[in-house]
């Protein structure tokens, strides 16, 4: 909660203005019943028309001032709340962008989306409400009690029964509602998760005729969200009937005993009217406080969830200063590197040592789950190794500034990730200043120019979210072009040719060899994709079981021989 409230610091002077305006408006409202009592007890009783007009005019002016102050206060409150929501949303987004892959998985995309949207909206709405009520309700409550007691001390004893009852009821309802609000946000996470998975996996769901199953899964999450929401609303709904009952009974008691006092000549009618107005203000203050107590628990639950993300420390941090390059550009070295995913029984990669010579092509091959992708993701430092050192140009990746390290690398992930926008905009993610000629060159090497030119608008063709209007192979080639336009010192192709046919794969590898002079690392499962590499690293269960050329490994390495034989049987190796 404290972490989230830190985002209010830039608005402290605006908050002071809101409090001052609310204070002024409340004081105006508190003074109006006193003037009304004077109109009745002095003006009407003495038939003093001039006094009635003068005091009535003062009441009118104070009412207009109260309205103006309230409108201004509401405007400034809205500005603070919306600005606060924007700042927290930005802070949350920046924090998430710095998370390692492990930390992202810890929270989950659906939960992070909920925290960035729904949770921040809850806190923002409550903040706006509290900015108006934080000063108004307590001041109206205290001021109303003081003025009521000063006018009718004996009648004010009624409040000694009514107010403690209200406090007890509000406390009990709040105690029950607080955990329900936390559960409601978890149900929101679950509902978002199910919807997100259903939308992104719609083709798989339809292909396996699981539409009815997904409907049941959605209905279950939806009904759990509904049931929790009903419990919350039922709990909070108890507050208003109790509040109404106590308020009405208090008014009856005030009128009953007030009439007796008027009849006995112990008080005047105007005084009694003012006392009723102050009683109404006191209960209005309790209504406002009850609204706050109704909303605050949910905001607290949301603020706690936001704070969890903001307080999560990044495991991948920049050093204070970057070290200077000590080996040629594109040089990479692994020294006894091991890495284990959180909660995993065994290491994904273990005791890995090898060297990549600048300008050469290194291929990494192995069965599914052998640790190939994990190994190459240590180079751009998507996470830190548990043991050993990964050196890029002679410097441990932990001593590089992240943006400087990644500027040297053109990374093509296993799953092609494209964004809504044009083809040119997607490729310029690799290099913002890329010219049209550079984009065309990258598309040519990536074997993507032909299908791009077939489109009516060429590189200005708009892509749907995640490139949904392209085939798998087309998306992969655009991802490769995005890395190529960057013209980095190191290329990492993480099984990026898997969706390409053999002819396109061969052309692409040939063009890379002819046009690219950088260090190239290729992760692959097909022998045909790696056989021309200067060195091939064979992985098995997270360990290196062979390093060498295709011809050398073909003669000496059992695991490599098994891969060749299995692919010969499938007709993938000639």
Protein backbone atom coordinates (compact mmCIF):
# COMPACT_ATOMS: atom_id res chain seq x y z
CA UNK A 1 0.00 0.00 0.00
CA UNK A 2 2.82 2.39 0.92
CA UNK A 3 4.52 1.71 -2.43
CA UNK A 4 1.38 2.69 -4.33
CA UNK A 5 0.79 5.82 -2.22
CA UNK A 6 4.28 7.07 -3.14
CA UNK A 7 2.83 7.90 -6.55
CA UNK A 8 0.74 10.63 -4.88
CA UNK A 9 3.81 12.73 -4.01
CA UNK A 10 3.75 14.79 -7.25
CA UNK A 11 0.15 15.78 -6.43
CA UNK A 12 0.65 16.83 -2.80
CA UNK A 13 -0.08 20.53 -3.48
CA UNK A 14 -3.18 19.71 -5.49
CA UNK A 15 -4.32 17.50 -2.60
CA UNK A 16 -3.79 20.44 -0.22
CA UNK A 17 -5.96 22.60 -2.53
CA UNK A 18 -8.71 19.94 -2.56
CA UNK A 19 -8.63 19.68 1.23
CA UNK A 20 -8.77 23.49 1.59
CA UNK A 21 -11.70 23.75 -0.84
CA UNK A 22 -13.55 20.89 0.85
CA UNK A 23 -12.92 22.46 4.25
CA UNK A 24 -14.33 25.81 3.05
CA UNK A 25 -17.37 24.18 1.44
CA UNK A 26 -18.14 22.13 4.55
CA UNK A 27 -17.85 25.20 6.82
CA UNK A 28 -20.30 27.06 4.57
CA UNK A 29 -22.76 24.16 4.83
CA UNK A 30 -22.36 23.91 8.61
CA UNK A 31 -23.14 27.60 9.08
CA UNK A 32 -26.37 27.56 7.02
CA UNK A 33 -28.56 25.77 9.70
CA UNK A 34 -27.47 28.38 12.28
CA UNK A 35 -28.65 31.14 9.96
CA UNK A 36 -31.90 29.25 9.35
CA UNK A 37 -32.51 29.04 13.13
CA UNK A 38 -31.93 32.78 13.41
CA UNK A 39 -34.44 33.45 10.63
CA UNK A 40 -37.11 31.52 12.56
CA UNK A 41 -36.27 32.50 16.17
CA UNK A 42 -35.39 36.15 15.51
CA UNK A 43 -36.78 37.24 12.15
CA UNK A 44 -40.13 35.42 12.11
CA UNK A 45 -40.81 35.69 15.85
CA UNK A 46 -40.13 39.46 15.78
CA UNK A 47 -41.69 39.95 12.32
CA UNK A 48 -38.40 41.56 11.24
CA UNK A 49 -38.60 41.42 7.42
CA UNK A 50 -35.28 43.20 6.94
CA UNK A 51 -33.48 40.66 9.14
CA UNK A 52 -35.18 37.78 7.32
CA UNK A 53 -34.11 39.15 3.91
CA UNK A 54 -30.56 39.89 5.05
CA UNK A 55 -30.06 36.48 6.71
CA UNK A 56 -31.79 34.68 3.81
CA UNK A 57 -29.46 36.49 1.40
CA UNK A 58 -26.46 35.30 3.41
CA UNK A 59 -27.82 31.72 3.23
CA UNK A 60 -28.18 32.04 -0.54
CA UNK A 61 -24.64 33.38 -0.98
CA UNK A 62 -23.19 30.63 1.22
CA UNK A 63 -25.13 28.00 -0.75
CA UNK A 64 -23.79 29.33 -4.08
CA UNK A 65 -20.25 29.47 -2.69
CA UNK A 66 -20.60 25.90 -1.39
CA UNK A 67 -21.72 24.74 -4.87
CA UNK A 68 -18.81 26.51 -6.63
CA UNK A 69 -16.27 25.15 -4.14
CA UNK A 70 -17.69 21.61 -4.46
CA UNK A 71 -17.53 21.68 -8.29
CA UNK A 72 -13.95 23.00 -8.25
CA UNK A 73 -12.93 20.42 -5.65
CA UNK A 74 -14.47 17.61 -7.74
CA UNK A 75 -12.61 18.79 -10.85
CA UNK A 76 -9.23 18.90 -9.08
CA UNK A 77 -9.93 15.53 -7.39
CA UNK A 78 -10.64 13.95 -10.78
CA UNK A 79 -7.42 15.40 -12.18
CA UNK A 80 -5.40 13.96 -9.27
CA UNK A 81 -7.05 10.53 -9.45
CA UNK A 82 -6.67 10.16 -13.24
CA UNK A 83 -3.05 11.38 -13.13
CA UNK A 84 -2.30 9.01 -10.26
CA UNK A 85 -3.83 6.10 -12.20
CA UNK A 86 -1.74 6.98 -15.27
CA UNK A 87 1.48 7.16 -13.20
CA UNK A 88 0.88 3.85 -11.40
CA UNK A 89 -0.02 2.17 -14.69
CA UNK A 90 3.21 3.46 -16.23
CA UNK A 91 5.23 2.37 -13.19
CA UNK A 92 3.66 -1.09 -13.28
CA UNK A 93 4.32 -1.45 -17.00
CA UNK A 94 7.96 -0.37 -16.61
CA UNK A 95 8.43 -2.82 -13.71
CA UNK A 96 6.95 -5.70 -15.71
CA UNK A 97 9.15 -4.86 -18.71
CA UNK A 98 12.20 -5.36 -16.47
CA UNK A 99 11.08 -8.74 -15.14
CA UNK A 100 12.99 -11.86 -16.03
CA UNK A 101 11.15 -14.72 -17.73
CA UNK A 102 10.85 -16.49 -14.36
CA UNK A 103 9.27 -13.49 -12.64
CA UNK A 104 6.81 -13.04 -15.51
CA UNK A 105 5.78 -16.67 -15.12
CA UNK A 106 5.44 -16.23 -11.36
CA UNK A 107 2.62 -13.69 -11.76
CA UNK A 108 1.26 -14.85 -15.12
CA UNK A 109 0.18 -12.61 -18.03
CA UNK A 110 -3.55 -12.69 -17.10
CA UNK A 111 -2.87 -11.53 -13.54
CA UNK A 112 -0.49 -8.79 -14.69
CA UNK A 113 -3.12 -7.49 -17.14
CA UNK A 114 -5.75 -7.46 -14.37
CA UNK A 115 -3.42 -5.61 -12.01
CA UNK A 116 -2.55 -3.05 -14.68
CA UNK A 117 -6.19 -2.36 -15.60
CA UNK A 118 -8.87 -3.45 -13.13
CA UNK A 119 -6.84 -3.12 -9.91
CA UNK A 120 -5.52 0.35 -10.77
CA UNK A 121 -9.06 1.45 -11.73
CA UNK A 122 -10.33 0.31 -8.31
CA UNK A 123 -7.64 2.30 -6.47
CA UNK A 124 -8.13 5.33 -8.74
CA UNK A 125 -11.91 5.42 -8.15
CA UNK A 126 -11.53 5.13 -4.38
CA UNK A 127 -8.86 7.84 -4.35
CA UNK A 128 -11.18 10.23 -6.17
CA UNK A 129 -13.97 9.44 -3.71
CA UNK A 130 -11.74 9.83 -0.66
CA UNK A 131 -10.30 13.16 -1.81
CA UNK A 132 -13.82 14.56 -1.51
CA UNK A 133 -14.76 12.66 1.62
CA UNK A 134 -11.47 12.53 3.52
CA UNK A 135 -11.97 16.09 4.76
CA UNK A 136 -15.69 16.56 4.23
CA UNK A 137 -17.07 13.57 6.15
CA UNK A 138 -14.92 13.86 9.32
CA UNK A 139 -15.33 17.65 9.45
CA UNK A 140 -19.08 17.42 8.89
CA UNK A 141 -19.29 14.70 11.54
CA UNK A 142 -17.23 16.53 14.17
CA UNK A 143 -18.60 19.97 13.30
CA UNK A 144 -22.17 18.68 13.28
CA UNK A 145 -21.77 17.02 16.68
CA UNK A 146 -20.16 20.14 18.23
CA UNK A 147 -22.84 22.50 16.89
CA UNK A 148 -25.66 20.09 17.81
CA UNK A 149 -24.36 19.66 21.36
CA UNK A 150 -23.86 23.43 21.74
CA UNK A 151 -27.54 23.96 20.84
CA UNK A 152 -29.17 21.03 22.62
CA UNK A 153 -26.84 19.22 25.07
CA UNK A 154 -29.59 16.98 26.47
CA UNK A 155 -31.05 15.98 23.10
CA UNK A 156 -27.50 15.19 21.94
CA UNK A 157 -27.44 12.24 24.37
CA UNK A 158 -29.41 10.39 21.65
CA UNK A 159 -26.19 10.28 19.62
CA UNK A 160 -24.48 8.31 22.41
CA UNK A 161 -26.71 5.39 21.48
CA UNK A 162 -26.99 5.85 17.70
CA UNK A 163 -23.38 6.58 16.74
CA UNK A 164 -21.67 3.65 18.57
CA UNK A 165 -24.24 1.31 16.98
CA UNK A 166 -23.31 2.59 13.52
CA UNK A 167 -19.58 2.22 14.20
CA UNK A 168 -20.03 -1.40 15.36
CA UNK A 169 -22.14 -2.31 12.30
CA UNK A 170 -19.68 -0.71 9.86
CA UNK A 171 -16.72 -2.47 11.55
CA UNK A 172 -18.41 -5.89 11.43
CA UNK A 173 -19.41 -5.54 7.77
CA UNK A 174 -15.94 -4.29 6.84
CA UNK A 175 -14.30 -7.25 8.62
CA UNK A 176 -16.39 -9.70 6.60
CA UNK A 177 -16.03 -7.85 3.29
CA UNK A 178 -12.24 -7.41 3.29
CA UNK A 179 -11.27 -11.05 2.51
CA UNK A 180 -14.13 -11.30 -0.01
CA UNK A 181 -12.71 -8.42 -2.04
CA UNK A 182 -9.30 -10.15 -2.21
CA UNK A 183 -11.01 -13.35 -3.40
CA UNK A 184 -13.00 -11.35 -5.98
CA UNK A 185 -9.79 -10.02 -7.55
CA UNK A 186 -8.39 -13.58 -7.73
CA UNK A 187 -11.58 -14.67 -9.48
CA UNK A 188 -11.11 -11.76 -11.90
CA UNK A 189 -7.59 -13.07 -12.63
CA UNK A 190 -8.97 -16.54 -13.28
CA UNK A 191 -11.73 -15.25 -15.58
CA UNK A 192 -9.22 -13.18 -17.57
CA UNK A 193 -6.92 -16.20 -17.85
CA UNK A 194 -9.68 -18.44 -19.24
CA UNK A 195 -10.85 -15.78 -21.72
CA UNK A 196 -7.28 -15.07 -22.85
CA UNK A 197 -6.48 -18.76 -23.37
CA UNK A 198 -9.75 -19.34 -25.22
CA UNK A 199 -9.17 -16.43 -27.58
CA UNK A 200 -5.49 -17.13 -28.33
CA UNK A 201 -6.04 -20.87 -28.65
CA UNK A 202 -9.28 -20.75 -30.62
CA UNK A 203 -7.84 -22.70 -33.59
CA UNK A 204 -6.59 -25.53 -31.40
CA UNK A 205 -9.89 -25.62 -29.49
CA UNK A 206 -11.87 -25.93 -32.72
CA UNK A 207 -9.44 -28.40 -34.27
CA UNK A 208 -9.89 -30.78 -31.33
CA UNK A 209 -13.63 -30.16 -30.98
CA UNK A 210 -13.21 -28.78 -27.48
CA UNK A 211 -15.57 -25.81 -27.84
CA UNK A 212 -18.08 -27.33 -25.40
CA UNK A 213 -15.29 -28.03 -22.89
CA UNK A 214 -14.07 -24.42 -23.13
CA UNK A 215 -17.64 -23.19 -22.63
CA UNK A 216 -17.85 -25.24 -19.43
CA UNK A 217 -14.48 -23.92 -18.27
CA UNK A 218 -15.57 -20.34 -18.96
CA UNK A 219 -18.96 -20.88 -17.29
CA UNK A 220 -17.25 -22.24 -14.19
CA UNK A 221 -14.88 -19.26 -13.92
CA UNK A 222 -17.71 -16.85 -14.72
CA UNK A 223 -20.05 -18.35 -12.12
CA UNK A 224 -17.34 -18.35 -9.45
CA UNK A 225 -16.76 -14.66 -10.19
CA UNK A 226 -20.52 -14.02 -10.04
CA UNK A 227 -20.99 -15.95 -6.77
CA UNK A 228 -18.14 -14.11 -5.08
CA UNK A 229 -19.50 -10.78 -6.38
CA UNK A 230 -22.95 -11.64 -4.99
CA UNK A 231 -21.44 -12.44 -1.57
CA UNK A 232 -19.61 -9.11 -1.58
CA UNK A 233 -22.73 -7.17 -2.58
CA UNK A 234 -24.91 -9.03 -0.08
CA UNK A 235 -22.46 -8.20 2.69
CA UNK A 236 -22.22 -4.53 1.74
CA UNK A 237 -25.99 -4.30 1.16
CA UNK A 238 -26.56 -4.95 4.88
CA UNK A 239 -25.01 -1.58 5.70
CA UNK A 240 -27.70 0.66 4.21
CA UNK A 241 -30.81 -0.92 5.82
CA UNK A 242 -29.12 -0.77 9.24
CA UNK A 243 -28.03 2.80 8.55
CA UNK A 244 -31.57 3.75 7.46
CA UNK A 245 -33.19 2.13 10.50
CA UNK A 246 -30.85 3.83 12.98
CA UNK A 247 -31.19 7.18 11.18
CA UNK A 248 -35.00 7.08 11.14
CA UNK A 249 -35.22 5.95 14.76
CA UNK A 250 -32.86 8.75 15.74
CA UNK A 251 -34.96 11.33 13.88
CA UNK A 252 -38.12 10.04 15.58
CA UNK A 253 -36.42 10.29 18.98
CA UNK A 254 -35.17 13.84 18.24
CA UNK A 255 -38.65 15.02 17.11
CA UNK A 256 -40.37 13.26 20.04
CA UNK A 257 -38.15 14.65 22.77
CA UNK A 258 -37.69 17.98 20.95
CA UNK A 259 -41.47 18.52 20.82
CA UNK A 260 -41.65 17.92 24.57
CA UNK A 261 -38.89 20.51 25.14
CA UNK A 262 -40.63 23.06 22.88
CA UNK A 263 -43.91 22.44 24.70
CA UNK A 264 -42.17 23.01 28.04
CA UNK A 265 -40.58 26.21 26.72
CA UNK A 266 -37.05 24.79 27.10
CA UNK A 267 -36.12 25.43 23.45
CA UNK A 268 -37.33 27.31 20.38
CA UNK A 269 -38.65 25.99 17.06
CA UNK A 270 -35.74 27.45 15.06
CA UNK A 271 -33.24 25.91 17.43
CA UNK A 272 -34.98 22.56 17.01
CA UNK A 273 -34.92 22.89 13.20
CA UNK A 274 -31.17 23.62 13.27
CA UNK A 275 -30.60 20.62 15.55
CA UNK A 276 -32.45 18.38 13.08
CA UNK A 277 -30.31 19.74 10.23
CA UNK A 278 -27.11 19.02 12.18
CA UNK A 279 -28.38 15.53 12.99
CA UNK A 280 -28.99 15.01 9.26
CA UNK A 281 -25.45 16.23 8.50
CA UNK A 282 -24.01 13.84 11.09
CA UNK A 283 -25.80 10.92 9.47
CA UNK A 284 -24.84 12.11 6.00
CA UNK A 285 -21.24 12.06 7.17
CA UNK A 286 -21.77 8.47 8.28
CA UNK A 287 -23.28 7.64 4.88
CA UNK A 288 -20.17 9.03 3.19
CA UNK A 289 -17.93 7.13 5.60
CA UNK A 290 -19.92 3.96 4.95
CA UNK A 291 -19.34 4.43 1.20
CA UNK A 292 -15.66 4.79 1.94
CA UNK A 293 -15.64 1.70 4.13
CA UNK A 294 -17.46 -0.14 1.36
CA UNK A 295 -14.91 0.80 -1.29
CA UNK A 296 -11.69 0.89 0.73
CA UNK A 297 -11.45 -2.90 1.33
CA UNK A 298 -11.52 -3.61 -2.40
CA UNK A 299 -9.05 -0.79 -3.06
CA UNK A 300 -6.78 -2.19 -0.32
CA UNK A 301 -6.87 -5.62 -1.92
CA UNK A 302 -6.10 -4.07 -5.32
CA UNK A 303 -3.34 -1.83 -3.89
CA UNK A 304 -1.74 -4.86 -2.26
CA UNK A 305 -1.71 -6.72 -5.57
CA UNK A 306 -0.24 -3.70 -7.37
CA UNK A 307 2.37 -3.31 -4.64
CA UNK A 308 3.43 -6.95 -5.04
CA UNK A 309 4.42 -6.23 -8.63
CA UNK A 310 6.05 -2.87 -7.88
CA UNK A 311 8.04 -4.32 -4.96
CA UNK A 312 9.22 -7.37 -6.91
CA UNK A 313 12.92 -6.89 -7.35
CA UNK A 314 14.35 -7.45 -10.80
CA UNK A 315 16.72 -10.42 -10.83
CA UNK A 316 18.44 -9.03 -13.92
CA UNK A 317 19.95 -5.64 -13.01
CA UNK A 318 22.35 -3.30 -14.74
CA UNK A 319 25.79 -2.72 -13.22
CA UNK A 320 26.80 0.82 -12.26
CA UNK A 321 29.22 0.99 -15.17
CA UNK A 322 29.76 -1.13 -18.27
CA UNK A 323 33.14 -2.78 -18.79
CA UNK A 324 35.07 -2.18 -21.98
CA UNK A 325 35.36 -4.75 -24.75
CA UNK A 326 38.44 -6.96 -24.30
CA UNK A 327 38.01 -9.49 -27.15
CA UNK A 328 36.96 -9.08 -30.82
CA UNK A 329 33.36 -8.20 -31.69
CA UNK A 330 31.00 -11.17 -31.71
CA UNK A 331 33.18 -13.35 -29.45
CA UNK A 332 31.18 -15.51 -27.01
CA UNK A 333 32.40 -17.88 -24.33
CA UNK A 334 30.59 -20.10 -21.83
CA UNK A 335 32.58 -21.12 -18.75
CA UNK A 336 31.09 -23.97 -16.71
CA UNK A 337 27.57 -22.50 -16.93
CA UNK A 338 24.60 -24.09 -15.16
CA UNK A 339 21.01 -22.91 -14.87
CA UNK A 340 17.97 -24.39 -13.13
CA UNK A 341 14.42 -23.07 -13.53
CA UNK A 342 12.69 -22.22 -10.28
CA UNK A 343 11.02 -25.29 -8.81
CA UNK A 344 12.64 -27.66 -11.34
CA UNK A 345 14.09 -30.93 -10.08
CA UNK A 346 17.17 -30.81 -12.29
CA UNK A 347 19.19 -28.16 -14.10
CA UNK A 348 18.06 -27.14 -17.61
CA UNK A 349 21.72 -26.78 -18.60
CA UNK A 350 24.68 -28.01 -16.57
CA UNK A 351 28.44 -27.41 -16.70
CA UNK A 352 28.35 -25.89 -20.18
CA UNK A 353 31.69 -24.70 -21.61
CA UNK A 354 32.41 -23.72 -25.21
CA UNK A 355 33.66 -20.82 -27.31
CA UNK A 356 32.16 -19.10 -30.35
CA UNK A 357 34.73 -17.56 -32.68
CA UNK A 358 33.75 -14.17 -34.19
CA UNK A 359 32.37 -14.39 -37.70
CA UNK A 360 31.77 -18.14 -37.53
CA UNK A 361 28.49 -20.06 -37.44
CA UNK A 362 27.83 -22.24 -34.41
CA UNK A 363 24.88 -24.63 -34.40
CA UNK A 364 23.27 -26.20 -31.33
CA UNK A 365 21.31 -29.40 -31.82
CA UNK A 366 19.65 -31.88 -29.52
CA UNK A 367 16.37 -33.54 -28.70
CA UNK A 368 13.36 -31.64 -27.38
CA UNK A 369 13.97 -30.51 -23.79
CA UNK A 370 17.74 -30.82 -24.03
CA UNK A 371 18.24 -27.14 -23.03
CA UNK A 372 19.00 -25.53 -26.40
CA UNK A 373 16.74 -22.49 -26.02
CA UNK A 374 17.71 -22.01 -22.38
CA UNK A 375 21.36 -21.98 -23.39
CA UNK A 376 21.05 -19.24 -26.03
CA UNK A 377 18.71 -17.13 -23.87
CA UNK A 378 21.55 -16.75 -21.37
CA UNK A 379 23.51 -14.75 -23.99
CA UNK A 380 21.13 -11.72 -24.13
CA UNK A 381 20.72 -12.22 -20.38
CA UNK A 382 17.04 -12.98 -20.22
CA UNK A 383 18.04 -14.57 -16.92
CA UNK A 384 21.29 -15.01 -15.00
CA UNK A 385 23.19 -18.32 -14.81
CA UNK A 386 23.18 -20.00 -11.40
CA UNK A 387 26.81 -21.00 -11.83
CA UNK A 388 29.64 -20.09 -14.20
CA UNK A 389 30.06 -17.18 -16.58
CA UNK A 390 28.71 -16.20 -19.98
CA UNK A 391 31.18 -13.85 -21.66
CA UNK A 392 30.31 -11.62 -24.61
CA UNK A 393 33.38 -9.95 -26.11
CA UNK A 394 35.33 -10.94 -23.03
CA UNK A 395 32.91 -9.37 -20.53
CA UNK A 396 30.51 -11.26 -18.26
CA UNK A 397 26.96 -10.50 -19.38
CA UNK A 398 26.19 -9.38 -15.79
CA UNK A 399 28.70 -6.56 -16.23
CA UNK A 400 27.06 -5.25 -19.41
CA UNK A 401 24.31 -2.62 -19.41
CA UNK A 402 21.32 -4.58 -20.69
CA UNK A 403 20.50 -2.20 -23.55
CA UNK A 404 24.16 -2.16 -24.67
CA UNK A 405 24.40 -5.95 -24.60
CA UNK A 406 21.14 -6.50 -26.47
CA UNK A 407 22.04 -3.83 -29.04
CA UNK A 408 24.83 -6.21 -30.13
CA UNK A 409 22.44 -9.12 -30.62
CA UNK A 410 19.83 -9.90 -33.26
CA UNK A 411 17.59 -12.46 -31.54
CA UNK A 412 14.91 -14.45 -33.36
CA UNK A 413 12.77 -16.39 -30.87
CA UNK A 414 11.43 -19.87 -31.29
CA UNK A 415 7.89 -18.53 -31.58
CA UNK A 416 7.58 -15.69 -34.09
CA UNK A 417 6.17 -12.60 -32.32
CA UNK A 418 4.68 -9.90 -34.50
CA UNK A 419 2.61 -6.88 -33.49
CA UNK A 420 -0.35 -5.01 -34.93
CA UNK A 421 0.89 -2.40 -37.39
CA UNK A 422 2.47 -2.51 -40.82
CA UNK A 423 5.19 -4.90 -42.00
CA UNK A 424 7.63 -1.97 -42.11
CA UNK A 425 6.77 -0.96 -38.52
CA UNK A 426 7.36 -4.52 -37.33
CA UNK A 427 10.75 -4.70 -39.03
CA UNK A 428 11.73 -1.27 -37.70
CA UNK A 429 11.41 -2.69 -34.19
CA UNK A 430 14.88 -4.05 -34.95
CA UNK A 431 16.15 -0.63 -36.05
CA UNK A 432 14.01 2.50 -35.68
CA UNK A 433 15.93 4.43 -38.33
CA UNK A 434 15.92 1.66 -40.96
CA UNK A 435 15.42 3.02 -44.47
CA UNK A 436 13.17 1.37 -47.05
CA UNK A 437 16.26 0.06 -48.85
CA UNK A 438 17.52 -1.58 -45.62
CA UNK A 439 14.11 -3.16 -45.04
CA UNK A 440 14.05 -4.53 -48.60
CA UNK A 441 17.57 -5.93 -48.14
CA UNK A 442 16.58 -7.66 -44.87
CA UNK A 443 13.43 -9.10 -46.48
CA UNK A 444 15.50 -10.38 -49.42
CA UNK A 445 17.97 -12.24 -47.19
CA UNK A 446 15.11 -13.60 -45.06
CA UNK A 447 13.38 -14.94 -48.22
CA UNK A 448 10.33 -12.79 -47.39
CA UNK A 449 10.45 -10.18 -50.18
CA UNK A 450 8.46 -12.25 -52.66
CA UNK A 451 5.36 -12.73 -50.52
CA UNK A 452 5.55 -9.13 -49.22
CA UNK A 453 5.62 -7.73 -52.77
CA UNK A 454 2.62 -9.88 -53.67
CA UNK A 455 0.57 -7.91 -51.17
CA UNK A 456 -1.18 -4.83 -52.55
CA UNK A 457 0.49 -2.37 -50.14
CA UNK A 458 3.86 -4.13 -49.91
CA UNK A 459 5.82 -3.27 -46.77
CA UNK A 460 2.98 -0.94 -45.73
CA UNK A 461 0.57 -3.88 -45.46
CA UNK A 462 -1.18 -3.86 -42.08
CA UNK A 463 -0.78 -6.92 -39.87
CA UNK A 464 -3.39 -8.13 -37.43
CA UNK A 465 -2.53 -8.72 -33.79
CA UNK A 466 0.26 -11.36 -33.52
CA UNK A 467 0.39 -11.46 -37.35
CA UNK A 468 -2.81 -13.49 -37.51
CA UNK A 469 -3.21 -12.74 -41.23
CA UNK A 470 0.09 -14.48 -42.08
CA UNK A 471 1.13 -18.13 -42.23
CA UNK A 472 3.62 -19.59 -39.75
CA UNK A 473 6.46 -19.55 -42.26
CA UNK A 474 5.74 -15.95 -43.28
CA UNK A 475 5.75 -14.83 -39.65
CA UNK A 476 9.08 -16.59 -39.07
CA UNK A 477 10.67 -14.92 -42.09
CA UNK A 478 9.50 -11.47 -40.99
CA UNK A 479 10.93 -12.15 -37.52
CA UNK A 480 14.24 -13.06 -39.15
CA UNK A 481 14.14 -9.88 -41.30
CA UNK A 482 13.53 -7.83 -38.12
CA UNK A 483 16.76 -9.19 -36.64
CA UNK A 484 18.71 -8.81 -39.90
CA UNK A 485 17.87 -5.11 -40.32
CA UNK A 486 19.49 -4.51 -36.94
CA UNK A 487 22.89 -5.49 -38.43
CA UNK A 488 24.28 -6.61 -35.04
CA UNK A 489 27.55 -8.32 -34.17
CA UNK A 490 25.79 -11.52 -33.06
CA UNK A 491 22.77 -13.34 -34.50
CA UNK A 492 20.84 -15.93 -32.49
CA UNK A 493 18.31 -18.01 -34.42
CA UNK A 494 16.42 -20.03 -31.81
CA UNK A 495 14.91 -22.83 -33.92
CA UNK A 496 13.75 -20.06 -36.26
CA UNK A 497 13.75 -22.13 -39.46
CA UNK A 498 11.37 -24.85 -38.23
CA UNK A 499 8.35 -23.52 -40.18
CA UNK A 500 10.31 -23.17 -43.43
CA UNK A 501 10.37 -25.77 -46.17
CA UNK A 502 13.76 -27.30 -47.06
CA UNK A 503 14.21 -25.21 -50.19
CA UNK A 504 13.54 -21.88 -48.40
CA UNK A 505 15.65 -23.02 -45.44
CA UNK A 506 18.60 -23.78 -47.74
CA UNK A 507 18.27 -20.45 -49.60
CA UNK A 508 18.11 -18.52 -46.34
CA UNK A 509 21.19 -20.23 -44.91
CA UNK A 510 23.08 -19.63 -48.14
CA UNK A 511 22.18 -15.92 -48.12
CA UNK A 512 23.23 -15.63 -44.49
CA UNK A 513 26.61 -17.09 -45.35
CA UNK A 514 27.07 -14.77 -48.32
CA UNK A 515 25.72 -11.50 -46.91
CA UNK A 516 26.29 -11.67 -43.13
CA UNK A 517 29.73 -11.33 -41.57
CA UNK A 518 28.59 -11.47 -37.95
CA UNK A 519 28.74 -14.33 -35.44
CA UNK A 520 25.77 -16.64 -36.01
CA UNK A 521 24.28 -19.11 -33.53
CA UNK A 522 21.63 -21.45 -34.90
CA UNK A 523 19.47 -23.63 -32.68
CA UNK A 524 17.89 -26.41 -34.69
CA UNK A 525 16.55 -29.93 -34.67
CA UNK A 526 17.05 -30.73 -38.35
CA UNK A 527 20.46 -31.93 -39.46
CA UNK A 528 20.03 -30.13 -42.79
CA UNK A 529 19.75 -26.80 -40.93
CA UNK A 530 23.01 -27.20 -38.98
CA UNK A 531 25.30 -29.37 -41.08
CA UNK A 532 27.11 -26.43 -42.77
CA UNK A 533 28.00 -24.74 -39.45
CA UNK A 534 31.67 -24.17 -38.52
CA UNK A 535 31.03 -25.99 -35.25
CA UNK A 536 28.08 -28.00 -33.99
CA UNK A 537 27.33 -28.41 -30.28
CA UNK A 538 25.32 -31.51 -29.39
CA UNK A 539 23.21 -31.27 -26.23
CA UNK A 540 21.61 -34.13 -24.35
CA UNK A 541 19.68 -33.65 -21.08
CA UNK A 542 21.26 -30.25 -20.51
CA UNK A 543 24.86 -31.34 -21.03
CA UNK A 544 27.27 -31.05 -23.95
CA UNK A 545 27.95 -34.51 -25.36
CA UNK A 546 29.86 -33.44 -28.45
CA UNK A 547 31.43 -30.46 -30.25
CA UNK A 548 32.79 -30.47 -33.79
CA UNK A 549 31.97 -30.27 -37.47
CA UNK A 550 29.26 -32.31 -39.14
CA UNK A 551 31.74 -34.79 -40.61
CA UNK A 552 33.58 -35.22 -37.29
CA UNK A 553 30.43 -35.74 -35.21
CA UNK A 554 28.96 -38.03 -37.85
CA UNK A 555 31.89 -40.37 -37.35
CA UNK A 556 32.49 -40.04 -33.59
CA UNK A 557 29.35 -38.95 -31.69
CA UNK A 558 26.68 -41.51 -30.80
CA UNK A 559 23.90 -38.96 -30.03
CA UNK A 560 24.53 -37.11 -33.30
CA UNK A 561 24.50 -40.40 -35.20
CA UNK A 562 21.15 -41.27 -33.60
CA UNK A 563 19.69 -37.91 -34.69
CA UNK A 564 20.91 -38.52 -38.27
CA UNK A 565 19.46 -42.03 -38.35
CA UNK A 566 16.09 -40.91 -36.96
CA UNK A 567 15.83 -38.15 -39.57
CA UNK A 568 16.93 -40.51 -42.37
CA UNK A 569 14.02 -42.76 -41.44
CA UNK A 570 11.69 -39.76 -41.71
CA UNK A 571 13.23 -38.75 -45.03
CA UNK A 572 14.62 -35.47 -43.68
CA UNK A 573 18.31 -36.30 -44.30
CA UNK A 574 19.59 -37.54 -47.64
